[in-house]
Amino acid sequence: MVKAFADLRSGNKRYAQMLTYLQGCLFVAQITDNHDMLFWLEKILIQLIGYYDLQCRDTAVILLNSLYDGNDWQQKAAFTPVIRSVGQHFKISLSINLANFDTKLHHLFLGVSAPSPLLHSNDSMITWHKIEQHNAVASDEKATEITVNFGKFWKCGFYDWRLMEMTPAGKLQPVMLTKPPLLHSTSTTRPDSEFDNHHNDQIIAQGRYIVHP
């Protein structure tokens, strides 16, 4: 596959198809937990980081991060990490672009990829948590404020999260922020001035904590 890339040029239709093919292979390998496929994809992506074409290199870095994360949450937008310590509160509070939240009409789910709570396990696991009415601390015609409290960080590692909405067609799609979240509660915080300067940006409701001892 790497040799096939060497015979192509940026902008070539087949070139774009092969990048899309790699992304699809990674998705299938992750949802099926295919370790052999993940092994070879890792080798291919590492080699493509040294490829001459900038688009290819950038795509390889993004897909390699997705491979190590175990999910595709950073493929559209990178996390901005926040540093925390074991024992500190794990609380997510954010304002999202969703008016008049009602659990009968809106189906929101918070995905959390975090270290296993088992003492001798170094694995990470993804859990999904339905946003209930009591999690919406405020809601009006413009936005909804969501708060979810997971207690305290129980172990060192990466704690990634993303808020998703299930559409009537049964598809999960990311939710957008209306303003920068609170620093103590999220890892996608940007200064207010920076957020104001990019008010047309679509900021995905997602984040990462890097938790130290």
C-alpha atoms as a PDB file:
ATOM      1  CA  MET A   1       0.000   0.000   0.000  1.00  0.00           C
ATOM      2  CA  VAL A   2       2.858   2.422   0.795  1.00  0.00           C
ATOM      3  CA  LYS A   3       4.335   1.724  -2.671  1.00  0.00           C
ATOM      4  CA  ALA A   4       0.941   2.531  -4.178  1.00  0.00           C
ATOM      5  CA  PHE A   5       1.102   5.967  -2.556  1.00  0.00           C
ATOM      6  CA  ALA A   6       4.523   6.569  -4.105  1.00  0.00           C
ATOM      7  CA  ASP A   7       3.020   6.205  -7.576  1.00  0.00           C
ATOM      8  CA  LEU A   8       0.368   8.841  -6.954  1.00  0.00           C
ATOM      9  CA  ARG A   9       0.316  12.631  -6.774  1.00  0.00           C
ATOM     10  CA  SER A  10      -1.600  14.932  -4.460  1.00  0.00           C
ATOM     11  CA  GLY A  11      -4.957  15.883  -5.934  1.00  0.00           C
ATOM     12  CA  ASN A  12      -5.235  12.645  -7.877  1.00  0.00           C
ATOM     13  CA  LYS A  13      -8.673  11.071  -7.435  1.00  0.00           C
ATOM     14  CA  ARG A  14      -7.194   7.694  -6.616  1.00  0.00           C
ATOM     15  CA  TYR A  15      -4.876   9.335  -4.100  1.00  0.00           C
ATOM     16  CA  ALA A  16      -7.855  10.720  -2.163  1.00  0.00           C
ATOM     17  CA  GLN A  17      -9.598   7.357  -2.433  1.00  0.00           C
ATOM     18  CA  MET A  18      -6.657   5.589  -0.799  1.00  0.00           C
ATOM     19  CA  LEU A  19      -6.625   8.041   2.107  1.00  0.00           C
ATOM     20  CA  THR A  20     -10.342   7.422   2.565  1.00  0.00           C
ATOM     21  CA  TYR A  21      -9.717   3.684   2.288  1.00  0.00           C
ATOM     22  CA  LEU A  22      -7.154   3.843   5.117  1.00  0.00           C
ATOM     23  CA  GLN A  23      -9.628   5.709   7.301  1.00  0.00           C
ATOM     24  CA  GLY A  24     -12.293   3.094   6.593  1.00  0.00           C
ATOM     25  CA  CYS A  25      -9.893   0.238   7.387  1.00  0.00           C
ATOM     26  CA  LEU A  26      -9.067   1.858  10.715  1.00  0.00           C
ATOM     27  CA  PHE A  27     -12.748   2.248  11.585  1.00  0.00           C
ATOM     28  CA  VAL A  28     -13.490  -1.413  10.809  1.00  0.00           C
ATOM     29  CA  ALA A  29     -10.396  -2.632  12.684  1.00  0.00           C
ATOM     30  CA  GLN A  30     -11.369  -0.688  15.800  1.00  0.00           C
ATOM     31  CA  ILE A  31     -15.020  -1.684  15.977  1.00  0.00           C
ATOM     32  CA  THR A  32     -14.143  -5.352  15.332  1.00  0.00           C
ATOM     33  CA  ASP A  33     -11.092  -5.235  17.629  1.00  0.00           C
ATOM     34  CA  ASN A  34      -8.973  -6.732  14.830  1.00  0.00           C
ATOM     35  CA  HIS A  35      -5.467  -6.638  16.326  1.00  0.00           C
ATOM     36  CA  ASP A  36      -3.761  -7.949  13.177  1.00  0.00           C
ATOM     37  CA  MET A  37      -5.277  -5.206  11.039  1.00  0.00           C
ATOM     38  CA  LEU A  38      -4.423  -2.563  13.660  1.00  0.00           C
ATOM     39  CA  PHE A  39      -0.829  -3.832  13.734  1.00  0.00           C
ATOM     40  CA  TRP A  40      -0.375  -3.396   9.982  1.00  0.00           C
ATOM     41  CA  LEU A  41      -2.250  -0.104   9.863  1.00  0.00           C
ATOM     42  CA  GLU A  42       0.090   1.266  12.515  1.00  0.00           C
ATOM     43  CA  LYS A  43       3.117   0.264  10.419  1.00  0.00           C
ATOM     44  CA  ILE A  44       1.656   1.849   7.283  1.00  0.00           C
ATOM     45  CA  LEU A  45       0.684   5.101   9.025  1.00  0.00           C
ATOM     46  CA  ILE A  46       4.092   5.476  10.683  1.00  0.00           C
ATOM     47  CA  GLN A  47       5.777   5.142   7.289  1.00  0.00           C
ATOM     48  CA  LEU A  48       3.382   7.643   5.713  1.00  0.00           C
ATOM     49  CA  ILE A  49       4.398  10.273   8.293  1.00  0.00           C
ATOM     50  CA  GLY A  50       7.627  10.497   6.295  1.00  0.00           C
ATOM     51  CA  TYR A  51       5.859  10.763   2.917  1.00  0.00           C
ATOM     52  CA  TYR A  52       6.724  13.775   0.739  1.00  0.00           C
ATOM     53  CA  ASP A  53       3.145  15.074   0.409  1.00  0.00           C
ATOM     54  CA  LEU A  54       1.891  17.350   3.213  1.00  0.00           C
ATOM     55  CA  GLN A  55      -1.738  16.217   2.968  1.00  0.00           C
ATOM     56  CA  CYS A  56      -0.698  12.600   3.275  1.00  0.00           C
ATOM     57  CA  ARG A  57       1.532  13.301   6.268  1.00  0.00           C
ATOM     58  CA  ASP A  58      -1.188  15.265   8.049  1.00  0.00           C
ATOM     59  CA  THR A  59      -3.765  12.540   7.417  1.00  0.00           C
ATOM     60  CA  ALA A  60      -1.356   9.875   8.664  1.00  0.00           C
ATOM     61  CA  VAL A  61      -0.790  11.791  11.925  1.00  0.00           C
ATOM     62  CA  ILE A  62      -4.541  12.220  12.472  1.00  0.00           C
ATOM     63  CA  LEU A  63      -5.293   8.544  11.783  1.00  0.00           C
ATOM     64  CA  LEU A  64      -2.390   7.390  13.933  1.00  0.00           C
ATOM     65  CA  ASN A  65      -3.750   9.443  16.839  1.00  0.00           C
ATOM     66  CA  SER A  66      -7.157   7.848  16.266  1.00  0.00           C
ATOM     67  CA  LEU A  67      -5.550   4.408  16.316  1.00  0.00           C
ATOM     68  CA  TYR A  68      -3.885   5.077  19.670  1.00  0.00           C
ATOM     69  CA  ASP A  69      -6.995   6.775  21.115  1.00  0.00           C
ATOM     70  CA  GLY A  70      -9.212   3.856  20.149  1.00  0.00           C
ATOM     71  CA  ASN A  71     -11.831   6.196  18.647  1.00  0.00           C
ATOM     72  CA  ASP A  72     -12.249   8.814  15.895  1.00  0.00           C
ATOM     73  CA  TRP A  73     -13.096  11.800  18.101  1.00  0.00           C
ATOM     74  CA  GLN A  74     -10.000  13.780  17.082  1.00  0.00           C
ATOM     75  CA  GLN A  75     -10.374  13.321  13.333  1.00  0.00           C
ATOM     76  CA  LYS A  76     -12.362  16.548  12.885  1.00  0.00           C
ATOM     77  CA  ALA A  77     -10.888  18.596  15.743  1.00  0.00           C
ATOM     78  CA  ALA A  78      -8.003  17.990  18.124  1.00  0.00           C
ATOM     79  CA  PHE A  79      -8.458  17.964  21.880  1.00  0.00           C
ATOM     80  CA  THR A  80      -7.037  20.795  23.970  1.00  0.00           C
ATOM     81  CA  PRO A  81      -5.840  18.922  27.068  1.00  0.00           C
ATOM     82  CA  VAL A  82      -6.283  20.042  30.659  1.00  0.00           C
ATOM     83  CA  ILE A  83      -4.010  18.653  33.372  1.00  0.00           C
ATOM     84  CA  ARG A  84      -5.555  17.155  36.499  1.00  0.00           C
ATOM     85  CA  SER A  85      -4.527  14.897  39.389  1.00  0.00           C
ATOM     86  CA  VAL A  86      -5.983  11.691  40.775  1.00  0.00           C
ATOM     87  CA  GLY A  87      -8.601  12.556  43.380  1.00  0.00           C
ATOM     88  CA  GLN A  88      -9.700  15.820  41.787  1.00  0.00           C
ATOM     89  CA  HIS A  89     -13.311  16.190  40.701  1.00  0.00           C
ATOM     90  CA  PHE A  90     -14.293  14.864  37.280  1.00  0.00           C
ATOM     91  CA  LYS A  91     -17.113  17.192  36.313  1.00  0.00           C
ATOM     92  CA  ILE A  92     -18.140  18.302  32.826  1.00  0.00           C
ATOM     93  CA  SER A  93     -20.126  21.537  32.462  1.00  0.00           C
ATOM     94  CA  LEU A  94     -20.819  23.128  29.100  1.00  0.00           C
ATOM     95  CA  SER A  95     -23.276  25.201  27.090  1.00  0.00           C
ATOM     96  CA  ILE A  96     -24.430  23.555  23.866  1.00  0.00           C
ATOM     97  CA  ASN A  97     -26.216  24.721  20.744  1.00  0.00           C
ATOM     98  CA  LEU A  98     -29.551  23.068  21.574  1.00  0.00           C
ATOM     99  CA  ALA A  99     -32.742  24.959  22.442  1.00  0.00           C
ATOM    100  CA  ASN A 100     -35.377  23.891  24.979  1.00  0.00           C
ATOM    101  CA  PHE A 101     -33.863  20.548  25.927  1.00  0.00           C
ATOM    102  CA  ASP A 102     -36.405  17.808  26.521  1.00  0.00           C
ATOM    103  CA  THR A 103     -35.460  14.144  26.914  1.00  0.00           C
ATOM    104  CA  LYS A 104     -38.640  13.187  25.057  1.00  0.00           C
ATOM    105  CA  LEU A 105     -37.437  15.087  21.981  1.00  0.00           C
ATOM    106  CA  HIS A 106     -33.657  15.144  22.317  1.00  0.00           C
ATOM    107  CA  HIS A 107     -31.476  12.114  22.871  1.00  0.00           C
ATOM    108  CA  LEU A 108     -28.031  13.143  24.073  1.00  0.00           C
ATOM    109  CA  PHE A 109     -25.271  10.743  25.078  1.00  0.00           C
ATOM    110  CA  LEU A 110     -21.920  11.502  26.673  1.00  0.00           C
ATOM    111  CA  GLY A 111     -19.164   9.120  25.616  1.00  0.00           C
ATOM    112  CA  VAL A 112     -16.240   8.746  28.022  1.00  0.00           C
ATOM    113  CA  SER A 113     -13.007   6.945  27.153  1.00  0.00           C
ATOM    114  CA  ALA A 114     -11.128   6.444  30.412  1.00  0.00           C
ATOM    115  CA  PRO A 115      -8.774   4.035  32.196  1.00  0.00           C
ATOM    116  CA  SER A 116     -10.390   0.903  33.542  1.00  0.00           C
ATOM    117  CA  PRO A 117     -11.328   1.262  37.228  1.00  0.00           C
ATOM    118  CA  LEU A 118      -9.912  -2.222  37.875  1.00  0.00           C
ATOM    119  CA  LEU A 119      -6.776  -1.934  39.985  1.00  0.00           C
ATOM    120  CA  HIS A 120      -4.436  -4.130  37.912  1.00  0.00           C
ATOM    121  CA  SER A 121      -5.802  -3.270  34.461  1.00  0.00           C
ATOM    122  CA  ASN A 122      -4.072  -0.789  32.136  1.00  0.00           C
ATOM    123  CA  ASP A 123      -6.811  -0.944  29.525  1.00  0.00           C
ATOM    124  CA  SER A 124      -9.038   1.957  28.539  1.00  0.00           C
ATOM    125  CA  MET A 125     -12.755   1.543  28.025  1.00  0.00           C
ATOM    126  CA  ILE A 126     -15.521   3.616  26.437  1.00  0.00           C
ATOM    127  CA  THR A 127     -18.811   4.029  28.288  1.00  0.00           C
ATOM    128  CA  TRP A 128     -21.910   5.908  27.160  1.00  0.00           C
ATOM    129  CA  HIS A 129     -24.112   7.923  29.512  1.00  0.00           C
ATOM    130  CA  LYS A 130     -27.574   9.225  28.592  1.00  0.00           C
ATOM    131  CA  ILE A 131     -28.128  12.880  29.420  1.00  0.00           C
ATOM    132  CA  GLU A 132     -31.175  13.073  31.662  1.00  0.00           C
ATOM    133  CA  GLN A 133     -33.416  16.056  32.354  1.00  0.00           C
ATOM    134  CA  HIS A 134     -31.696  16.744  35.670  1.00  0.00           C
ATOM    135  CA  ASN A 135     -28.355  17.142  33.841  1.00  0.00           C
ATOM    136  CA  ALA A 136     -29.760  20.194  32.036  1.00  0.00           C
ATOM    137  CA  VAL A 137     -29.257  22.889  34.671  1.00  0.00           C
ATOM    138  CA  ALA A 138     -30.614  25.576  32.316  1.00  0.00           C
ATOM    139  CA  SER A 139     -32.270  25.668  28.900  1.00  0.00           C
ATOM    140  CA  ASP A 140     -33.925  28.356  26.770  1.00  0.00           C
ATOM    141  CA  GLU A 141     -34.643  29.219  23.138  1.00  0.00           C
ATOM    142  CA  LYS A 142     -30.925  29.601  22.354  1.00  0.00           C
ATOM    143  CA  ALA A 143     -28.895  27.077  24.326  1.00  0.00           C
ATOM    144  CA  THR A 144     -28.782  24.398  27.003  1.00  0.00           C
ATOM    145  CA  GLU A 145     -26.335  24.128  29.880  1.00  0.00           C
ATOM    146  CA  ILE A 146     -25.339  20.555  30.709  1.00  0.00           C
ATOM    147  CA  THR A 147     -23.545  19.316  33.834  1.00  0.00           C
ATOM    148  CA  VAL A 148     -22.447  15.728  34.465  1.00  0.00           C
ATOM    149  CA  ASN A 149     -20.557  14.730  37.610  1.00  0.00           C
ATOM    150  CA  PHE A 150     -18.472  11.547  37.473  1.00  0.00           C
ATOM    151  CA  GLY A 151     -17.096  11.887  40.991  1.00  0.00           C
ATOM    152  CA  LYS A 152     -13.304  11.967  41.152  1.00  0.00           C
ATOM    153  CA  PHE A 153     -10.527  10.841  38.823  1.00  0.00           C
ATOM    154  CA  TRP A 154      -9.703   7.311  39.938  1.00  0.00           C
ATOM    155  CA  LYS A 155      -6.476   6.579  38.054  1.00  0.00           C
ATOM    156  CA  CYS A 156      -3.720   8.201  35.980  1.00  0.00           C
ATOM    157  CA  GLY A 157      -4.232   8.378  32.232  1.00  0.00           C
ATOM    158  CA  PHE A 158      -6.277  10.033  29.500  1.00  0.00           C
ATOM    159  CA  TYR A 159      -9.946  10.794  30.151  1.00  0.00           C
ATOM    160  CA  ASP A 160     -11.541  11.696  26.812  1.00  0.00           C
ATOM    161  CA  TRP A 161     -15.169  12.644  26.364  1.00  0.00           C
ATOM    162  CA  ARG A 162     -17.552  13.704  23.616  1.00  0.00           C
ATOM    163  CA  LEU A 163     -21.200  14.742  23.660  1.00  0.00           C
ATOM    164  CA  MET A 164     -23.323  13.220  20.892  1.00  0.00           C
ATOM    165  CA  GLU A 165     -26.935  13.518  19.769  1.00  0.00           C
ATOM    166  CA  MET A 166     -28.925  10.681  18.265  1.00  0.00           C
ATOM    167  CA  THR A 167     -30.952  11.848  15.283  1.00  0.00           C
ATOM    168  CA  PRO A 168     -34.455  10.530  14.454  1.00  0.00           C
ATOM    169  CA  ALA A 169     -32.742   8.350  11.846  1.00  0.00           C
ATOM    170  CA  GLY A 170     -30.686   6.688  14.585  1.00  0.00           C
ATOM    171  CA  LYS A 171     -27.352   8.288  13.692  1.00  0.00           C
ATOM    172  CA  LEU A 172     -24.978   9.787  16.240  1.00  0.00           C
ATOM    173  CA  GLN A 173     -23.708  13.272  15.461  1.00  0.00           C
ATOM    174  CA  PRO A 174     -21.461  15.606  17.507  1.00  0.00           C
ATOM    175  CA  VAL A 175     -22.977  18.492  19.459  1.00  0.00           C
ATOM    176  CA  MET A 176     -21.612  22.041  19.148  1.00  0.00           C
ATOM    177  CA  LEU A 177     -20.725  24.480  21.905  1.00  0.00           C
ATOM    178  CA  THR A 178     -22.171  27.991  22.193  1.00  0.00           C
ATOM    179  CA  LYS A 179     -19.396  29.384  24.410  1.00  0.00           C
ATOM    180  CA  PRO A 180     -16.100  28.241  25.944  1.00  0.00           C
ATOM    181  CA  PRO A 181     -16.730  25.784  28.801  1.00  0.00           C
ATOM    182  CA  LEU A 182     -15.544  26.362  32.349  1.00  0.00           C
ATOM    183  CA  LEU A 183     -11.852  25.679  32.848  1.00  0.00           C
ATOM    184  CA  HIS A 184     -12.370  23.476  35.877  1.00  0.00           C
ATOM    185  CA  SER A 185     -14.820  21.207  34.114  1.00  0.00           C
ATOM    186  CA  THR A 186     -13.653  20.658  30.561  1.00  0.00           C
ATOM    187  CA  SER A 187     -10.640  20.198  28.373  1.00  0.00           C
ATOM    188  CA  THR A 188     -11.808  22.153  25.340  1.00  0.00           C
ATOM    189  CA  THR A 189     -11.488  25.524  27.001  1.00  0.00           C
ATOM    190  CA  ARG A 190     -10.312  28.494  24.980  1.00  0.00           C
ATOM    191  CA  PRO A 191      -9.933  32.049  26.338  1.00  0.00           C
ATOM    192  CA  ASP A 192     -13.089  34.138  25.894  1.00  0.00           C
ATOM    193  CA  SER A 193     -11.262  36.590  23.622  1.00  0.00           C
ATOM    194  CA  GLU A 194     -10.113  33.780  21.325  1.00  0.00           C
ATOM    195  CA  PHE A 195     -13.590  32.274  21.203  1.00  0.00           C
ATOM    196  CA  ASP A 196     -15.104  35.699  20.361  1.00  0.00           C
ATOM    197  CA  ASN A 197     -12.629  36.138  17.521  1.00  0.00           C
ATOM    198  CA  HIS A 198     -13.740  32.800  16.084  1.00  0.00           C
ATOM    199  CA  HIS A 199     -17.470  33.142  16.723  1.00  0.00           C
ATOM    200  CA  ASN A 200     -18.250  31.530  13.383  1.00  0.00           C
ATOM    201  CA  ASP A 201     -16.279  28.394  14.250  1.00  0.00           C
ATOM    202  CA  GLN A 202     -18.100  25.153  14.978  1.00  0.00           C
ATOM    203  CA  ILE A 203     -16.599  24.028  18.278  1.00  0.00           C
ATOM    204  CA  ILE A 204     -17.322  20.364  18.987  1.00  0.00           C
ATOM    205  CA  ALA A 205     -18.364  19.488  22.533  1.00  0.00           C
ATOM    206  CA  GLN A 206     -15.474  17.197  23.408  1.00  0.00           C
ATOM    207  CA  GLY A 207     -12.357  17.221  25.531  1.00  0.00           C
ATOM    208  CA  ARG A 208      -9.471  15.480  27.227  1.00  0.00           C
ATOM    209  CA  TYR A 209      -8.080  15.388  30.739  1.00  0.00           C
ATOM    210  CA  ILE A 210      -4.533  14.187  31.301  1.00  0.00           C
ATOM    211  CA  VAL A 211      -4.531  12.906  34.866  1.00  0.00           C
ATOM    212  CA  HIS A 212      -1.329  12.653  36.900  1.00  0.00           C
ATOM    213  CA  PRO A 213      -0.735  10.999  40.318  1.00  0.00           C
END
